[in-house]
Amino acid sequence: MLFVGALALGAAVSLVWREGSNVPFQDDWDMVPALTGHEPVNLSFLWSQHNEHRIPVPKLIFLALSWPTRGDSRAGMFFNLLALAAASLALVVCARRLRGRISYTDGFFPLACLNLSQYQNLIWNFQIQLITATNLACALLLMVAWRPASLTLRSALWVTALLLCLALSGASGLVFVPPLAAWLIWTGWRQPGQRRGKSGRRDWAIPLCGASAIAVFLLYFYHYQQPQEHPLPSGLLPVGRACIEFLSVSVGLVGEDGWPYSGLAVFALYAATLALLLRALKTVPGERQRAAGLLAFLLGTGMLALSVGLGRGGFGPGAAFASRYVTLSIPLLCCVYLVWGLYARTLGGRACQAGLFLVLALTSFPSGARAFEAGAELRRAIGAFEGALVRGVPPERLADRYWPVLYPDRDILAQRLSMLRETRMGPYR
């Protein structure tokens, strides 16, 4: 397991080191005015939509990493990588605690969390948005799975803090709030009626934690505007197709080759895991709280798949095969792995965990090869821009030549290049 983890981490570090660049890319340019001081970092800026997302938490992390490094995009890339590595290690520790020992199949976690198929997110600074939401979701999964005992007020406050951060990390985090907040409210109502008096305040406090998360969820949609450039799906068929595409790439970029069977197989595993949790709720009273929490979490991952279907179904076939969606599928697969270890302590449970490990192990090399190839292609295009910048080509001419690669609006790109040059930040530092 340690060998697999070291290999996965080494490959990811190699990808970021070789293909990462100090040149902002696509959405990175939208952060340049705040980075350079041309736009105030206030509540209005933090709450403003970025496409269909409100992302105040990722914006703050982005700026906190960029200001000390004077806009070096690679700081965010390595932060993302280390955060994913930390998540995989924490999940391995959790699986070991639940099982009582470590298993070779726990190598699944570094293969999932450090999957090179998510290369777009690893070499694109702004994708701290998706990686932050994914890491927060993994932390939430750990909180729910760690112990079956009654939820303490302290644990409930930690869960609430994670839910609030998820709600403020874009739609990919927001979807976890309703089911997990409902779990908090349900848990607070059903647990210790037998401990009245001293714990009476606590019984009310836990449902209030869930209610506060719901309040922030509703606040997210206050004055929300659907982006004009995002076409809506024409019906249920495009939504369903995009959902299955999303599930297909949960096993890596090679999942696209097995479309639609790869996606349908993941969907079948998802449905079987739901059934396993429902059975545990009914037949294992001592596990009812944890099983309900894992069920709520798994429903959140299903809502995430549905949100991708709704958000990308209007873009036509193949829109949800993008590399960046591999990251969003990590919590789903990790939850499935833990559930089968907890509630199918038979040959079937071990076979499911071994199967997940084997699938990712077998697909890692071909997916990684594609990632390095695509990353090198992008690096060559950005390298040409860097060469022109070093030769002293002015921002206007740089924008004329390279806007198709770097940013969809030529005029905005020229303006933000000038901001970076004026403040000696980013590629001008």
Foldseek 3Di string as FASTA:
>chain_A
DVVLLVVLLVLLVVLCVPQAALDAFACSLVLLCCLLVVDPPDPCVQQDDDQQWRANPLSVVLSVQCNVQQRRLSSLLVVLSVLLSVLLVLLQVQLCQLLVHGDPLSSLSSLQSSFLLLLCLNRHNSVSLLSVLLSLLSVLLCLLSRDQDQQFLVSLVVNLVSLLNLLNSTPLSLLLLVLLLVLQLVSLCPPDPVDPDVCVVVSVSSNVSSVVSVVSSVVSCVVRDNDPVQDWAPDVVLLVLLLQLLQQCLLFLCSVVVPNVSSVVSVVLLVVLLVLLVVCCVPPVSRNSSSSNLNSSSVSLVVSSSVSSRRCSRVDPPRNSRSNSNSSCSSNVSSSLSSLVNRVVDPVSVVVSNVSSVSSVVVRVVRSVVSSVVSVVLSVLVVVLLVCVVVPDQLLVSLVVRCVGGYVDSVSSSVSVVSCCVSCGRSSD
